[in-house]
Amino acid sequence: MPPSLAPGVLVTGTDTGVGKSLASVALLHALRGRGLRAVGMKPVAAGCEPTPGGLRNEDALALQAASMPSPAYADVNPWALTEPTAPQLAARSAGITVSMPPLLEAHARLAATADVVVVEGAGGWLSPLADGIEHADLAHALDLPVILVVGLRLGCLSHARLTARAVTGDGCRLLGWIGSAVDPGFERRDDYLGLLRDALPAPCLGVLPHAAAPEPRMLAGCLMAAADAVATLTSGTIAPR
């Protein structure tokens, strides 16, 4: 790992709307519960609202609020795009060219004050972050392993296996996966969790239950295995305080 980079993880999903943001924020709380200085990052966010302080994204704000020490919003979300669509289309609509250097510079500033950085992707693994920038490019540039959030619903077995195959095929390390109960009516959830445990080439690091208004801080306990897996990445890298 380059000396300028803090350990961390890239959180991706089997699709959009599977609970990446909830998992990322809950993971930050779990890591802080382990005594680590943990900060979140949303490198590219589409669907930002204008505020007096500039464009703001709901997911990025949640990551910022769960971080300690509290980072600047511009570092949490260096590329903020207005239109709530694929980042490539949102950037084109705004006349913006998203590039890698500002992402790396923002991450370096976050890493300078933290023990671990949780980086949330956009959409699924093969949804580009920008024209010419894939999730794999970011994972390699920041030397990050990947946690996959699996939306537990019909079809998730194929989606999860395909995504895991893509992650490892891109030369990235799959640290583990988190189940997310996005469909409260999914009657075979436990059966599918068993199939996923058998099929995926990395361990299950927790399961998030369905909730109408989930509270990430309260769900941190569901992700202690994920926090432990990420914490092992910090071994020998945390400077004495």
Protein backbone atom coordinates (compact mmCIF):
# COMPACT_ATOMS: atom_id res chain seq x y z
CA MET A 1 0.00 0.00 0.00
CA PRO A 2 1.38 3.44 -0.86
CA PRO A 3 2.48 5.20 2.36
CA SER A 4 0.11 8.13 1.76
CA LEU A 5 -2.99 5.92 1.82
CA ALA A 6 -4.90 4.83 4.91
CA PRO A 7 -6.38 1.34 4.79
CA GLY A 8 -9.97 1.16 3.72
CA VAL A 9 -12.59 -0.59 1.65
CA LEU A 10 -14.68 0.09 -1.43
CA VAL A 11 -18.36 -0.74 -0.92
CA THR A 12 -20.19 -1.77 -4.08
CA GLY A 13 -23.51 -3.46 -4.76
CA THR A 14 -25.28 -5.97 -6.94
CA ASP A 15 -27.39 -3.08 -8.26
CA THR A 16 -28.68 0.38 -7.49
CA GLY A 17 -30.95 0.58 -4.44
CA VAL A 18 -29.63 -2.47 -2.60
CA GLY A 19 -28.49 -0.62 0.54
CA LYS A 20 -24.90 0.42 -0.18
CA SER A 21 -25.30 3.73 1.63
CA LEU A 22 -26.97 2.16 4.66
CA ALA A 23 -24.27 -0.51 4.83
CA SER A 24 -21.49 2.06 4.43
CA VAL A 25 -22.83 4.34 7.17
CA ALA A 26 -23.53 1.43 9.53
CA LEU A 27 -20.01 0.16 8.87
CA LEU A 28 -18.57 3.55 9.82
CA HIS A 29 -20.41 3.36 13.16
CA ALA A 30 -19.20 -0.21 13.68
CA LEU A 31 -15.59 0.78 12.97
CA ARG A 32 -15.83 3.71 15.35
CA GLY A 33 -17.19 1.27 17.91
CA ARG A 34 -13.92 -0.62 17.49
CA GLY A 35 -12.06 2.55 18.45
CA LEU A 36 -10.96 3.49 14.93
CA ARG A 37 -11.03 6.92 13.35
CA ALA A 38 -13.29 6.11 10.40
CA VAL A 39 -14.38 8.47 7.65
CA GLY A 40 -16.63 7.97 4.64
CA MET A 41 -16.30 9.03 1.03
CA LYS A 42 -18.69 9.17 -1.95
CA PRO A 43 -16.32 10.05 -4.80
CA VAL A 44 -19.03 10.64 -7.40
CA ALA A 45 -22.63 11.41 -6.42
CA ALA A 46 -25.46 12.01 -8.87
CA GLY A 47 -28.67 13.45 -7.50
CA CYS A 48 -27.42 16.47 -5.54
CA GLU A 49 -29.54 19.35 -4.30
CA PRO A 50 -28.46 23.01 -4.32
CA THR A 51 -27.84 24.49 -0.87
CA PRO A 52 -26.23 27.75 0.34
CA GLY A 53 -23.02 25.76 0.74
CA GLY A 54 -23.15 24.22 -2.71
CA LEU A 55 -24.50 20.97 -4.14
CA ARG A 56 -25.19 18.31 -1.53
CA ASN A 57 -26.07 14.62 -1.84
CA GLU A 58 -28.14 12.83 0.79
CA ASP A 59 -25.93 9.73 0.90
CA ALA A 60 -22.73 11.76 1.05
CA LEU A 61 -24.16 13.86 3.90
CA ALA A 62 -24.97 10.66 5.80
CA LEU A 63 -21.39 9.47 5.34
CA GLN A 64 -20.06 12.82 6.49
CA ALA A 65 -22.29 12.79 9.60
CA ALA A 66 -21.14 9.27 10.54
CA SER A 67 -17.44 10.12 10.14
CA MET A 68 -15.05 10.91 12.94
CA PRO A 69 -13.11 13.13 12.70
CA SER A 70 -15.64 15.19 10.74
CA PRO A 71 -14.35 15.77 7.19
CA ALA A 72 -15.08 18.61 4.79
CA TYR A 73 -17.97 17.86 2.44
CA ALA A 74 -15.80 18.62 -0.60
CA ASP A 75 -13.49 15.77 0.42
CA VAL A 76 -16.32 13.34 1.11
CA ASN A 77 -17.91 14.09 -2.26
CA PRO A 78 -15.43 15.74 -4.66
CA TRP A 79 -17.68 15.27 -7.70
CA ALA A 80 -21.27 16.39 -6.99
CA LEU A 81 -23.72 16.14 -9.89
CA THR A 82 -27.28 17.41 -9.98
CA GLU A 83 -29.27 15.00 -12.16
CA PRO A 84 -30.33 11.76 -10.37
CA THR A 85 -29.21 9.37 -13.08
CA ALA A 86 -26.12 7.46 -14.17
CA PRO A 87 -23.03 9.54 -13.28
CA GLN A 88 -21.91 9.56 -16.91
CA LEU A 89 -25.20 11.11 -18.02
CA ALA A 90 -25.35 13.50 -15.06
CA ALA A 91 -21.84 14.76 -15.83
CA ARG A 92 -22.65 15.25 -19.50
CA SER A 93 -25.82 17.16 -18.62
CA ALA A 94 -23.81 19.44 -16.35
CA GLY A 95 -21.01 19.91 -18.87
CA ILE A 96 -18.53 18.42 -16.40
CA THR A 97 -15.64 16.08 -17.11
CA VAL A 98 -15.12 13.87 -14.07
CA SER A 99 -11.46 12.92 -13.69
CA MET A 100 -9.46 10.80 -11.27
CA PRO A 101 -6.94 13.29 -9.78
CA PRO A 102 -9.47 15.23 -7.63
CA LEU A 103 -10.74 11.90 -6.24
CA LEU A 104 -7.24 10.81 -5.28
CA GLU A 105 -6.44 14.19 -3.75
CA ALA A 106 -9.64 14.20 -1.68
CA HIS A 107 -9.00 10.64 -0.50
CA ALA A 108 -5.46 11.56 0.52
CA ARG A 109 -6.80 14.40 2.69
CA LEU A 110 -9.31 12.06 4.33
CA ALA A 111 -6.68 9.38 4.86
CA ALA A 112 -4.33 11.86 6.52
CA THR A 113 -6.69 12.21 9.49
CA ALA A 114 -8.22 8.72 9.66
CA ASP A 115 -7.34 5.12 10.43
CA VAL A 116 -9.69 3.79 7.77
CA VAL A 117 -11.68 5.23 4.86
CA VAL A 118 -14.96 3.66 3.71
CA VAL A 119 -15.50 4.53 0.04
CA GLU A 120 -19.01 4.05 -1.35
CA GLY A 121 -19.34 3.45 -5.07
CA ALA A 122 -22.16 4.46 -7.40
CA GLY A 123 -24.65 1.87 -8.61
CA GLY A 124 -23.31 -1.61 -9.25
CA TRP A 125 -19.73 -2.68 -9.89
CA LEU A 126 -19.95 -2.35 -13.68
CA SER A 127 -21.72 1.01 -13.56
CA PRO A 128 -18.93 3.43 -14.54
CA LEU A 129 -18.13 6.27 -12.16
CA ALA A 130 -17.47 8.46 -15.19
CA ASP A 131 -16.47 8.22 -18.82
CA GLY A 132 -13.30 6.15 -18.70
CA ILE A 133 -13.38 5.51 -14.92
CA GLU A 134 -14.54 2.13 -13.65
CA HIS A 135 -14.92 1.03 -10.04
CA ALA A 136 -11.96 -1.27 -10.60
CA ASP A 137 -9.83 1.72 -11.60
CA LEU A 138 -10.65 3.43 -8.30
CA ALA A 139 -10.06 0.27 -6.27
CA HIS A 140 -6.65 -0.22 -7.87
CA ALA A 141 -5.68 3.45 -7.57
CA LEU A 142 -6.50 3.48 -3.84
CA ASP A 143 -5.41 -0.12 -3.19
CA LEU A 144 -8.82 -0.99 -1.73
CA PRO A 145 -10.42 -4.40 -1.26
CA VAL A 146 -14.13 -4.65 -1.99
CA ILE A 147 -17.20 -5.38 0.10
CA LEU A 148 -20.24 -6.39 -1.94
CA VAL A 149 -23.74 -5.48 -0.73
CA VAL A 150 -26.24 -8.05 -1.97
CA GLY A 151 -29.88 -6.99 -2.20
CA LEU A 152 -31.80 -10.01 -0.90
CA ARG A 153 -34.59 -10.56 -3.39
CA LEU A 154 -35.48 -12.87 -6.24
CA GLY A 155 -32.57 -12.95 -8.69
CA CYS A 156 -29.94 -12.03 -6.13
CA LEU A 157 -28.03 -15.29 -6.48
CA SER A 158 -27.18 -14.66 -10.12
CA HIS A 159 -26.51 -10.95 -9.54
CA ALA A 160 -24.20 -11.67 -6.63
CA ARG A 161 -22.27 -14.41 -8.40
CA LEU A 162 -21.86 -12.30 -11.54
CA THR A 163 -20.68 -9.31 -9.52
CA ALA A 164 -18.24 -11.36 -7.45
CA ARG A 165 -16.86 -12.86 -10.66
CA ALA A 166 -16.45 -9.37 -12.15
CA VAL A 167 -14.72 -8.00 -9.04
CA THR A 168 -12.18 -10.80 -8.89
CA GLY A 169 -11.85 -10.86 -12.67
CA ASP A 170 -10.82 -7.22 -12.52
CA GLY A 171 -7.97 -8.20 -10.24
CA CYS A 172 -9.57 -6.81 -7.06
CA ARG A 173 -9.85 -8.55 -3.71
CA LEU A 174 -13.36 -9.39 -2.53
CA LEU A 175 -13.10 -9.00 1.25
CA GLY A 176 -16.63 -10.23 1.88
CA TRP A 177 -20.30 -9.51 1.33
CA ILE A 178 -23.23 -8.06 3.26
CA GLY A 179 -26.82 -9.20 2.81
CA SER A 180 -29.40 -6.41 2.67
CA ALA A 181 -33.08 -7.30 3.17
CA VAL A 182 -34.48 -4.88 0.62
CA ASP A 183 -37.63 -6.94 -0.05
CA PRO A 184 -39.65 -7.49 3.16
CA GLY A 185 -41.87 -9.99 1.32
CA PHE A 186 -39.00 -12.24 0.23
CA GLU A 187 -40.08 -15.47 1.92
CA ARG A 188 -37.01 -17.55 1.04
CA ARG A 189 -34.48 -15.03 2.39
CA ASP A 190 -32.79 -17.46 4.77
CA ASP A 191 -32.60 -20.14 2.09
CA TYR A 192 -31.02 -17.69 -0.32
CA LEU A 193 -28.53 -16.59 2.35
CA GLY A 194 -27.45 -20.22 2.57
CA LEU A 195 -27.05 -20.44 -1.18
CA LEU A 196 -25.06 -17.22 -1.24
CA ARG A 197 -22.76 -18.43 1.54
CA ASP A 198 -22.05 -21.57 -0.47
CA ALA A 199 -21.67 -19.80 -3.83
CA LEU A 200 -19.65 -16.67 -3.14
CA PRO A 201 -15.84 -16.80 -2.83
CA ALA A 202 -15.72 -14.61 0.29
CA PRO A 203 -17.40 -14.68 3.71
CA CYS A 204 -20.70 -13.13 4.73
CA LEU A 205 -19.83 -10.13 6.92
CA GLY A 206 -23.33 -9.40 8.17
CA VAL A 207 -26.99 -9.13 7.24
CA LEU A 208 -28.98 -5.91 7.47
CA PRO A 209 -32.67 -6.41 8.32
CA HIS A 210 -35.44 -4.59 6.51
CA ALA A 211 -36.71 -1.43 8.21
CA ALA A 212 -39.07 1.28 7.01
CA ALA A 213 -36.83 3.96 8.52
CA PRO A 214 -33.48 2.30 9.22
CA GLU A 215 -31.14 3.85 11.78
CA PRO A 216 -27.54 3.10 10.75
CA ARG A 217 -26.16 3.59 14.26
CA MET A 218 -28.52 0.92 15.59
CA LEU A 219 -27.58 -1.43 12.73
CA ALA A 220 -23.86 -1.20 13.43
CA GLY A 221 -24.12 -4.31 15.56
CA CYS A 222 -25.16 -6.28 12.49
CA LEU A 223 -21.85 -5.46 10.83
CA MET A 224 -19.30 -6.18 13.54
CA ALA A 225 -17.86 -9.01 11.43
CA ALA A 226 -17.42 -6.49 8.60
CA ALA A 227 -15.79 -4.04 11.01
CA ASP A 228 -13.43 -6.75 12.22
CA ALA A 229 -12.51 -7.69 8.64
CA VAL A 230 -11.77 -4.06 7.76
CA ALA A 231 -9.96 -3.47 11.04
CA THR A 232 -7.50 -6.24 10.21
CA LEU A 233 -6.42 -4.15 7.24
CA THR A 234 -5.19 -1.47 9.64
CA SER A 235 -2.83 -3.80 11.52
CA GLY A 236 0.55 -2.16 11.76
CA THR A 237 -0.57 0.98 9.91
CA ILE A 238 -2.05 3.07 12.74
CA ALA A 239 0.40 5.59 14.15
CA PRO A 240 0.60 5.90 17.96
CA ARG A 241 -1.74 8.59 19.29
